[in-house]
Structure formats: structure tokens, C-alpha cells
Amino acid sequence: IIEADEGVTHGTVVHVMELAKDAGL
């Protein structure tokens, strides 16, 4: 579950999601 602040760029959230997907989540 990613809790991203409203001011966080879309790219940062996608990067965290990609890290999770690369690990197999």
C-alpha cells in the first residue's frame, strides 16, 4: 500500500511500484 503525499510527482510513485513489481509483488 503506497501512501503518497498529494505533492509527490507521479514518477516517484511509479518508481516505488516498479521496485515492488521487480521484486515479485
mmCIF file of all heavy atoms, coordinates in Angstrom:
data_MODEL
# 
_entry.id   MODEL 
# 
loop_
_atom_site.group_PDB 
_atom_site.id 
_atom_site.type_symbol 
_atom_site.label_atom_id 
_atom_site.label_alt_id 
_atom_site.label_comp_id 
_atom_site.label_asym_id 
_atom_site.label_entity_id 
_atom_site.label_seq_id 
_atom_site.pdbx_PDB_ins_code 
_atom_site.Cartn_x 
_atom_site.Cartn_y 
_atom_site.Cartn_z 
_atom_site.occupancy 
_atom_site.B_iso_or_equiv 
_atom_site.pdbx_formal_charge 
_atom_site.auth_seq_id 
_atom_site.auth_comp_id 
_atom_site.auth_asym_id 
_atom_site.auth_atom_id 
_atom_site.pdbx_PDB_model_num 
ATOM 1   N N   . ILE A 1 1  ? 0.866  -1.175  0.000   1.00 0.00 ? 1  ILE A N   1 
ATOM 2   C CA  . ILE A 1 1  ? 0.000  0.000   0.000   1.00 0.00 ? 1  ILE A CA  1 
ATOM 3   C C   . ILE A 1 1  ? 0.901  1.223   0.000   1.00 0.00 ? 1  ILE A C   1 
ATOM 4   O O   . ILE A 1 1  ? 1.699  1.412   0.912   1.00 0.00 ? 1  ILE A O   1 
ATOM 5   C CB  . ILE A 1 1  ? -0.932 0.009   1.230   1.00 0.00 ? 1  ILE A CB  1 
ATOM 6   C CG1 . ILE A 1 1  ? -1.797 -1.247  1.235   1.00 0.00 ? 1  ILE A CG1 1 
ATOM 7   C CG2 . ILE A 1 1  ? -1.790 1.262   1.237   1.00 0.00 ? 1  ILE A CG2 1 
ATOM 8   C CD1 . ILE A 1 1  ? -2.623 -1.414  2.495   1.00 0.00 ? 1  ILE A CD1 1 
ATOM 9   N N   . ILE A 1 2  ? 0.765  2.045   -1.017  1.00 0.00 ? 2  ILE A N   1 
ATOM 10  C CA  . ILE A 1 2  ? 1.603  3.239   -1.151  1.00 0.00 ? 2  ILE A CA  1 
ATOM 11  C C   . ILE A 1 2  ? 0.799  4.452   -0.701  1.00 0.00 ? 2  ILE A C   1 
ATOM 12  O O   . ILE A 1 2  ? -0.240 4.764   -1.275  1.00 0.00 ? 2  ILE A O   1 
ATOM 13  C CB  . ILE A 1 2  ? 2.096  3.415   -2.606  1.00 0.00 ? 2  ILE A CB  1 
ATOM 14  C CG1 . ILE A 1 2  ? 2.904  2.180   -3.012  1.00 0.00 ? 2  ILE A CG1 1 
ATOM 15  C CG2 . ILE A 1 2  ? 2.928  4.687   -2.736  1.00 0.00 ? 2  ILE A CG2 1 
ATOM 16  C CD1 . ILE A 1 2  ? 3.296  2.160   -4.461  1.00 0.00 ? 2  ILE A CD1 1 
ATOM 17  N N   . GLU A 1 3  ? 1.303  5.110   0.340   1.00 0.00 ? 3  GLU A N   1 
ATOM 18  C CA  . GLU A 1 3  ? 0.708  6.351   0.834   1.00 0.00 ? 3  GLU A CA  1 
ATOM 19  C C   . GLU A 1 3  ? 1.571  7.498   0.319   1.00 0.00 ? 3  GLU A C   1 
ATOM 20  O O   . GLU A 1 3  ? 2.601  7.805   0.896   1.00 0.00 ? 3  GLU A O   1 
ATOM 21  C CB  . GLU A 1 3  ? 0.692  6.387   2.357   1.00 0.00 ? 3  GLU A CB  1 
ATOM 22  C CG  . GLU A 1 3  ? -0.199 5.396   3.020   1.00 0.00 ? 3  GLU A CG  1 
ATOM 23  C CD  . GLU A 1 3  ? -0.165 5.528   4.541   1.00 0.00 ? 3  GLU A CD  1 
ATOM 24  O OE1 . GLU A 1 3  ? 0.786  6.101   5.081   1.00 0.00 ? 3  GLU A OE1 1 
ATOM 25  O OE2 . GLU A 1 3  ? -1.104 5.041   5.161   1.00 0.00 ? 3  GLU A OE2 1 
ATOM 26  N N   . ALA A 1 4  ? 1.148  8.095   -0.770  1.00 0.00 ? 4  ALA A N   1 
ATOM 27  C CA  . ALA A 1 4  ? 1.924  9.185   -1.364  1.00 0.00 ? 4  ALA A CA  1 
ATOM 28  C C   . ALA A 1 4  ? 1.244  10.513  -1.072  1.00 0.00 ? 4  ALA A C   1 
ATOM 29  O O   . ALA A 1 4  ? 0.031  10.639  -1.220  1.00 0.00 ? 4  ALA A O   1 
ATOM 30  C CB  . ALA A 1 4  ? 2.049  8.980   -2.867  1.00 0.00 ? 4  ALA A CB  1 
ATOM 31  N N   . ASP A 1 5  ? 2.032  11.481  -0.662  1.00 0.00 ? 5  ASP A N   1 
ATOM 32  C CA  . ASP A 1 5  ? 1.525  12.827  -0.408  1.00 0.00 ? 5  ASP A CA  1 
ATOM 33  C C   . ASP A 1 5  ? 0.992  13.415  -1.713  1.00 0.00 ? 5  ASP A C   1 
ATOM 34  O O   . ASP A 1 5  ? 1.423  13.042  -2.797  1.00 0.00 ? 5  ASP A O   1 
ATOM 35  C CB  . ASP A 1 5  ? 2.668  13.685  0.146   1.00 0.00 ? 5  ASP A CB  1 
ATOM 36  C CG  . ASP A 1 5  ? 2.163  14.965  0.761   1.00 0.00 ? 5  ASP A CG  1 
ATOM 37  O OD1 . ASP A 1 5  ? 1.850  15.893  -0.006  1.00 0.00 ? 5  ASP A OD1 1 
ATOM 38  O OD2 . ASP A 1 5  ? 2.081  15.034  1.995   1.00 0.00 ? 5  ASP A OD2 1 
ATOM 39  N N   . GLU A 1 6  ? 0.047  14.354  -1.587  1.00 0.00 ? 6  GLU A N   1 
ATOM 40  C CA  . GLU A 1 6  ? -0.526 14.987  -2.781  1.00 0.00 ? 6  GLU A CA  1 
ATOM 41  C C   . GLU A 1 6  ? 0.538  15.664  -3.637  1.00 0.00 ? 6  GLU A C   1 
ATOM 42  O O   . GLU A 1 6  ? 0.413  15.719  -4.848  1.00 0.00 ? 6  GLU A O   1 
ATOM 43  C CB  . GLU A 1 6  ? -1.575 16.037  -2.378  1.00 0.00 ? 6  GLU A CB  1 
ATOM 44  C CG  . GLU A 1 6  ? -2.942 15.473  -2.141  1.00 0.00 ? 6  GLU A CG  1 
ATOM 45  C CD  . GLU A 1 6  ? -3.954 16.569  -1.850  1.00 0.00 ? 6  GLU A CD  1 
ATOM 46  O OE1 . GLU A 1 6  ? -3.636 17.491  -1.075  1.00 0.00 ? 6  GLU A OE1 1 
ATOM 47  O OE2 . GLU A 1 6  ? -5.060 16.491  -2.399  1.00 0.00 ? 6  GLU A OE2 1 
ATOM 48  N N   . GLY A 1 7  ? 1.585  16.165  -3.018  1.00 0.00 ? 7  GLY A N   1 
ATOM 49  C CA  . GLY A 1 7  ? 2.612  16.896  -3.745  1.00 0.00 ? 7  GLY A CA  1 
ATOM 50  C C   . GLY A 1 7  ? 3.676  16.024  -4.394  1.00 0.00 ? 7  GLY A C   1 
ATOM 51  O O   . GLY A 1 7  ? 4.559  16.526  -5.079  1.00 0.00 ? 7  GLY A O   1 
ATOM 52  N N   . VAL A 1 8  ? 3.618  14.716  -4.206  1.00 0.00 ? 8  VAL A N   1 
ATOM 53  C CA  . VAL A 1 8  ? 4.617  13.815  -4.779  1.00 0.00 ? 8  VAL A CA  1 
ATOM 54  C C   . VAL A 1 8  ? 4.350  13.658  -6.270  1.00 0.00 ? 8  VAL A C   1 
ATOM 55  O O   . VAL A 1 8  ? 3.205  13.513  -6.697  1.00 0.00 ? 8  VAL A O   1 
ATOM 56  C CB  . VAL A 1 8  ? 4.576  12.435  -4.073  1.00 0.00 ? 8  VAL A CB  1 
ATOM 57  C CG1 . VAL A 1 8  ? 5.481  11.445  -4.764  1.00 0.00 ? 8  VAL A CG1 1 
ATOM 58  C CG2 . VAL A 1 8  ? 4.963  12.585  -2.630  1.00 0.00 ? 8  VAL A CG2 1 
ATOM 59  N N   . THR A 1 9  ? 5.425  13.665  -7.060  1.00 0.00 ? 9  THR A N   1 
ATOM 60  C CA  . THR A 1 9  ? 5.260  13.506  -8.507  1.00 0.00 ? 9  THR A CA  1 
ATOM 61  C C   . THR A 1 9  ? 4.840  12.081  -8.846  1.00 0.00 ? 9  THR A C   1 
ATOM 62  O O   . THR A 1 9  ? 5.142  11.126  -8.131  1.00 0.00 ? 9  THR A O   1 
ATOM 63  C CB  . THR A 1 9  ? 6.571  13.830  -9.254  1.00 0.00 ? 9  THR A CB  1 
ATOM 64  O OG1 . THR A 1 9  ? 7.576  12.925  -8.809  1.00 0.00 ? 9  THR A OG1 1 
ATOM 65  C CG2 . THR A 1 9  ? 7.000  15.259  -9.002  1.00 0.00 ? 9  THR A CG2 1 
ATOM 66  N N   . HIS A 1 10 ? 4.159  11.958  -9.950  1.00 0.00 ? 10 HIS A N   1 
ATOM 67  C CA  . HIS A 1 10 ? 3.672  10.663  -10.412 1.00 0.00 ? 10 HIS A CA  1 
ATOM 68  C C   . HIS A 1 10 ? 4.833  9.691   -10.630 1.00 0.00 ? 10 HIS A C   1 
ATOM 69  O O   . HIS A 1 10 ? 4.728  8.501   -10.341 1.00 0.00 ? 10 HIS A O   1 
ATOM 70  C CB  . HIS A 1 10 ? 2.873  10.865  -11.707 1.00 0.00 ? 10 HIS A CB  1 
ATOM 71  C CG  . HIS A 1 10 ? 2.300  9.626   -12.275 1.00 0.00 ? 10 HIS A CG  1 
ATOM 72  N ND1 . HIS A 1 10 ? 1.267  8.950   -11.685 1.00 0.00 ? 10 HIS A ND1 1 
ATOM 73  C CD2 . HIS A 1 10 ? 2.627  8.921   -13.384 1.00 0.00 ? 10 HIS A CD2 1 
ATOM 74  C CE1 . HIS A 1 10 ? 0.977  7.893   -12.402 1.00 0.00 ? 10 HIS A CE1 1 
ATOM 75  N NE2 . HIS A 1 10 ? 1.778  7.847   -13.447 1.00 0.00 ? 10 HIS A NE2 1 
ATOM 76  N N   . GLY A 1 11 ? 5.938  10.210  -11.119 1.00 0.00 ? 11 GLY A N   1 
ATOM 77  C CA  . GLY A 1 11 ? 7.094  9.370   -11.407 1.00 0.00 ? 11 GLY A CA  1 
ATOM 78  C C   . GLY A 1 11 ? 7.654  8.689   -10.168 1.00 0.00 ? 11 GLY A C   1 
ATOM 79  O O   . GLY A 1 11 ? 8.105  7.537   -10.234 1.00 0.00 ? 11 GLY A O   1 
ATOM 80  N N   . THR A 1 12 ? 7.634  9.361   -9.035  1.00 0.00 ? 12 THR A N   1 
ATOM 81  C CA  . THR A 1 12 ? 8.146  8.778   -7.800  1.00 0.00 ? 12 THR A CA  1 
ATOM 82  C C   . THR A 1 12 ? 7.276  7.605   -7.358  1.00 0.00 ? 12 THR A C   1 
ATOM 83  O O   . THR A 1 12 ? 7.781  6.553   -6.956  1.00 0.00 ? 12 THR A O   1 
ATOM 84  C CB  . THR A 1 12 ? 8.209  9.835   -6.687  1.00 0.00 ? 12 THR A CB  1 
ATOM 85  O OG1 . THR A 1 12 ? 8.986  10.943  -7.138  1.00 0.00 ? 12 THR A OG1 1 
ATOM 86  C CG2 . THR A 1 12 ? 8.823  9.274   -5.424  1.00 0.00 ? 12 THR A CG2 1 
ATOM 87  N N   . VAL A 1 13 ? 5.964  7.767   -7.447  1.00 0.00 ? 13 VAL A N   1 
ATOM 88  C CA  . VAL A 1 13 ? 5.044  6.694   -7.067  1.00 0.00 ? 13 VAL A CA  1 
ATOM 89  C C   . VAL A 1 13 ? 5.223  5.499   -8.007  1.00 0.00 ? 13 VAL A C   1 
ATOM 90  O O   . VAL A 1 13 ? 5.277  4.347   -7.576  1.00 0.00 ? 13 VAL A O   1 
ATOM 91  C CB  . VAL A 1 13 ? 3.585  7.196   -7.083  1.00 0.00 ? 13 VAL A CB  1 
ATOM 92  C CG1 . VAL A 1 13 ? 2.619  6.060   -6.816  1.00 0.00 ? 13 VAL A CG1 1 
ATOM 93  C CG2 . VAL A 1 13 ? 3.395  8.315   -6.066  1.00 0.00 ? 13 VAL A CG2 1 
ATOM 94  N N   . VAL A 1 14 ? 5.345  5.778   -9.288  1.00 0.00 ? 14 VAL A N   1 
ATOM 95  C CA  . VAL A 1 14 ? 5.534  4.703   -10.266 1.00 0.00 ? 14 VAL A CA  1 
ATOM 96  C C   . VAL A 1 14 ? 6.858  3.990   -10.006 1.00 0.00 ? 14 VAL A C   1 
ATOM 97  O O   . VAL A 1 14 ? 6.940  2.756   -10.113 1.00 0.00 ? 14 VAL A O   1 
ATOM 98  C CB  . VAL A 1 14 ? 5.467  5.261   -11.707 1.00 0.00 ? 14 VAL A CB  1 
ATOM 99  C CG1 . VAL A 1 14 ? 5.893  4.221   -12.719 1.00 0.00 ? 14 VAL A CG1 1 
ATOM 100 C CG2 . VAL A 1 14 ? 4.065  5.761   -12.009 1.00 0.00 ? 14 VAL A CG2 1 
ATOM 101 N N   . HIS A 1 15 ? 7.881  4.726   -9.637  1.00 0.00 ? 15 HIS A N   1 
ATOM 102 C CA  . HIS A 1 15 ? 9.187  4.121   -9.349  1.00 0.00 ? 15 HIS A CA  1 
ATOM 103 C C   . HIS A 1 15 ? 9.084  3.137   -8.178  1.00 0.00 ? 15 HIS A C   1 
ATOM 104 O O   . HIS A 1 15 ? 9.626  2.029   -8.243  1.00 0.00 ? 15 HIS A O   1 
ATOM 105 C CB  . HIS A 1 15 ? 10.222 5.211   -9.063  1.00 0.00 ? 15 HIS A CB  1 
ATOM 106 C CG  . HIS A 1 15 ? 11.584 4.686   -8.753  1.00 0.00 ? 15 HIS A CG  1 
ATOM 107 N ND1 . HIS A 1 15 ? 12.366 4.061   -9.690  1.00 0.00 ? 15 HIS A ND1 1 
ATOM 108 C CD2 . HIS A 1 15 ? 12.289 4.674   -7.590  1.00 0.00 ? 15 HIS A CD2 1 
ATOM 109 C CE1 . HIS A 1 15 ? 13.502 3.693   -9.131  1.00 0.00 ? 15 HIS A CE1 1 
ATOM 110 N NE2 . HIS A 1 15 ? 13.478 4.056   -7.852  1.00 0.00 ? 15 HIS A NE2 1 
ATOM 111 N N   . VAL A 1 16 ? 8.380  3.532   -7.110  1.00 0.00 ? 16 VAL A N   1 
ATOM 112 C CA  . VAL A 1 16 ? 8.201  2.644   -5.958  1.00 0.00 ? 16 VAL A CA  1 
ATOM 113 C C   . VAL A 1 16 ? 7.402  1.405   -6.378  1.00 0.00 ? 16 VAL A C   1 
ATOM 114 O O   . VAL A 1 16 ? 7.720  0.279   -5.986  1.00 0.00 ? 16 VAL A O   1 
ATOM 115 C CB  . VAL A 1 16 ? 7.517  3.379   -4.787  1.00 0.00 ? 16 VAL A CB  1 
ATOM 116 C CG1 . VAL A 1 16 ? 7.144  2.415   -3.667  1.00 0.00 ? 16 VAL A CG1 1 
ATOM 117 C CG2 . VAL A 1 16 ? 8.413  4.481   -4.252  1.00 0.00 ? 16 VAL A CG2 1 
ATOM 118 N N   . MET A 1 17 ? 6.384  1.614   -7.205  1.00 0.00 ? 17 MET A N   1 
ATOM 119 C CA  . MET A 1 17 ? 5.585  0.482   -7.679  1.00 0.00 ? 17 MET A CA  1 
ATOM 120 C C   . MET A 1 17 ? 6.429  -0.458  -8.547  1.00 0.00 ? 17 MET A C   1 
ATOM 121 O O   . MET A 1 17 ? 6.301  -1.685  -8.452  1.00 0.00 ? 17 MET A O   1 
ATOM 122 C CB  . MET A 1 17 ? 4.371  0.985   -8.456  1.00 0.00 ? 17 MET A CB  1 
ATOM 123 C CG  . MET A 1 17 ? 3.369  1.726   -7.588  1.00 0.00 ? 17 MET A CG  1 
ATOM 124 S SD  . MET A 1 17 ? 2.029  2.450   -8.514  1.00 0.00 ? 17 MET A SD  1 
ATOM 125 C CE  . MET A 1 17 ? 0.938  1.057   -8.634  1.00 0.00 ? 17 MET A CE  1 
ATOM 126 N N   . GLU A 1 18 ? 7.303  0.093   -9.357  1.00 0.00 ? 18 GLU A N   1 
ATOM 127 C CA  . GLU A 1 18 ? 8.178  -0.735  -10.199 1.00 0.00 ? 18 GLU A CA  1 
ATOM 128 C C   . GLU A 1 18 ? 9.164  -1.535  -9.352  1.00 0.00 ? 18 GLU A C   1 
ATOM 129 O O   . GLU A 1 18 ? 9.472  -2.688  -9.660  1.00 0.00 ? 18 GLU A O   1 
ATOM 130 C CB  . GLU A 1 18 ? 8.934  0.124   -11.214 1.00 0.00 ? 18 GLU A CB  1 
ATOM 131 C CG  . GLU A 1 18 ? 8.054  0.674   -12.327 1.00 0.00 ? 18 GLU A CG  1 
ATOM 132 C CD  . GLU A 1 18 ? 7.431  -0.439  -13.172 1.00 0.00 ? 18 GLU A CD  1 
ATOM 133 O OE1 . GLU A 1 18 ? 8.120  -1.438  -13.467 1.00 0.00 ? 18 GLU A OE1 1 
ATOM 134 O OE2 . GLU A 1 18 ? 6.253  -0.295  -13.530 1.00 0.00 ? 18 GLU A OE2 1 
ATOM 135 N N   . LEU A 1 19 ? 9.657  -0.933  -8.280  1.00 0.00 ? 19 LEU A N   1 
ATOM 136 C CA  . LEU A 1 19 ? 10.541 -1.668  -7.368  1.00 0.00 ? 19 LEU A CA  1 
ATOM 137 C C   . LEU A 1 19 ? 9.818  -2.881  -6.779  1.00 0.00 ? 19 LEU A C   1 
ATOM 138 O O   . LEU A 1 19 ? 10.390 -3.974  -6.678  1.00 0.00 ? 19 LEU A O   1 
ATOM 139 C CB  . LEU A 1 19 ? 11.041 -0.761  -6.241  1.00 0.00 ? 19 LEU A CB  1 
ATOM 140 C CG  . LEU A 1 19 ? 12.027 0.338   -6.602  1.00 0.00 ? 19 LEU A CG  1 
ATOM 141 C CD1 . LEU A 1 19 ? 12.313 1.220   -5.381  1.00 0.00 ? 19 LEU A CD1 1 
ATOM 142 C CD2 . LEU A 1 19 ? 13.309 -0.247  -7.139  1.00 0.00 ? 19 LEU A CD2 1 
ATOM 143 N N   . ALA A 1 20 ? 8.561  -2.683  -6.408  1.00 0.00 ? 20 ALA A N   1 
ATOM 144 C CA  . ALA A 1 20 ? 7.775  -3.775  -5.846  1.00 0.00 ? 20 ALA A CA  1 
ATOM 145 C C   . ALA A 1 20 ? 7.510  -4.850  -6.894  1.00 0.00 ? 20 ALA A C   1 
ATOM 146 O O   . ALA A 1 20 ? 7.635  -6.048  -6.613  1.00 0.00 ? 20 ALA A O   1 
ATOM 147 C CB  . ALA A 1 20 ? 6.462  -3.244  -5.280  1.00 0.00 ? 20 ALA A CB  1 
ATOM 148 N N   . LYS A 1 21 ? 7.168  -4.429  -8.104  1.00 0.00 ? 21 LYS A N   1 
ATOM 149 C CA  . LYS A 1 21 ? 6.890  -5.405  -9.167  1.00 0.00 ? 21 LYS A CA  1 
ATOM 150 C C   . LYS A 1 21 ? 8.153  -6.167  -9.558  1.00 0.00 ? 21 LYS A C   1 
ATOM 151 O O   . LYS A 1 21 ? 8.097  -7.368  -9.821  1.00 0.00 ? 21 LYS A O   1 
ATOM 152 C CB  . LYS A 1 21 ? 6.290  -4.713  -10.392 1.00 0.00 ? 21 LYS A CB  1 
ATOM 153 C CG  . LYS A 1 21 ? 4.844  -4.308  -10.177 1.00 0.00 ? 21 LYS A CG  1 
ATOM 154 C CD  . LYS A 1 21 ? 4.095  -3.959  -11.442 1.00 0.00 ? 21 LYS A CD  1 
ATOM 155 C CE  . LYS A 1 21 ? 4.786  -2.976  -12.320 1.00 0.00 ? 21 LYS A CE  1 
ATOM 156 N NZ  . LYS A 1 21 ? 3.979  -2.524  -13.461 1.00 0.00 ? 21 LYS A NZ  1 
ATOM 157 N N   . ASP A 1 22 ? 9.289  -5.495  -9.584  1.00 0.00 ? 22 ASP A N   1 
ATOM 158 C CA  . ASP A 1 22 ? 10.550 -6.161  -9.909  1.00 0.00 ? 22 ASP A CA  1 
ATOM 159 C C   . ASP A 1 22 ? 10.901 -7.233  -8.872  1.00 0.00 ? 22 ASP A C   1 
ATOM 160 O O   . ASP A 1 22 ? 11.530 -8.234  -9.194  1.00 0.00 ? 22 ASP A O   1 
ATOM 161 C CB  . ASP A 1 22 ? 11.699 -5.155  -10.013 1.00 0.00 ? 22 ASP A CB  1 
ATOM 162 C CG  . ASP A 1 22 ? 11.588 -4.279  -11.255 1.00 0.00 ? 22 ASP A CG  1 
ATOM 163 O OD1 . ASP A 1 22 ? 10.822 -4.637  -12.175 1.00 0.00 ? 22 ASP A OD1 1 
ATOM 164 O OD2 . ASP A 1 22 ? 12.262 -3.230  -11.286 1.00 0.00 ? 22 ASP A OD2 1 
ATOM 165 N N   . ALA A 1 23 ? 10.490 -7.010  -7.624  1.00 0.00 ? 23 ALA A N   1 
ATOM 166 C CA  . ALA A 1 23 ? 10.761 -7.977  -6.573  1.00 0.00 ? 23 ALA A CA  1 
ATOM 167 C C   . ALA A 1 23 ? 9.786  -9.158  -6.618  1.00 0.00 ? 23 ALA A C   1 
ATOM 168 O O   . ALA A 1 23 ? 10.023 -10.174 -5.984  1.00 0.00 ? 23 ALA A O   1 
ATOM 169 C CB  . ALA A 1 23 ? 10.688 -7.305  -5.206  1.00 0.00 ? 23 ALA A CB  1 
ATOM 170 N N   . GLY A 1 24 ? 8.689  -9.001  -7.375  1.00 0.00 ? 24 GLY A N   1 
ATOM 171 C CA  . GLY A 1 24 ? 7.715  -10.085 -7.486  1.00 0.00 ? 24 GLY A CA  1 
ATOM 172 C C   . GLY A 1 24 ? 6.404  -9.823  -6.776  1.00 0.00 ? 24 GLY A C   1 
ATOM 173 O O   . GLY A 1 24 ? 5.540  -10.693 -6.732  1.00 0.00 ? 24 GLY A O   1 
ATOM 174 N N   . LEU A 1 25 ? 6.234  -8.647  -6.223  1.00 0.00 ? 25 LEU A N   1 
ATOM 175 C CA  . LEU A 1 25 ? 4.974  -8.300  -5.565  1.00 0.00 ? 25 LEU A CA  1 
ATOM 176 C C   . LEU A 1 25 ? 3.995  -7.781  -6.621  1.00 0.00 ? 25 LEU A C   1 
ATOM 177 O O   . LEU A 1 25 ? 4.315  -6.866  -7.373  1.00 0.00 ? 25 LEU A O   1 
ATOM 178 C CB  . LEU A 1 25 ? 5.208  -7.230  -4.493  1.00 0.00 ? 25 LEU A CB  1 
ATOM 179 C CG  . LEU A 1 25 ? 6.052  -7.677  -3.305  1.00 0.00 ? 25 LEU A CG  1 
ATOM 180 C CD1 . LEU A 1 25 ? 6.465  -6.485  -2.465  1.00 0.00 ? 25 LEU A CD1 1 
ATOM 181 C CD2 . LEU A 1 25 ? 5.281  -8.669  -2.456  1.00 0.00 ? 25 LEU A CD2 1 
# 
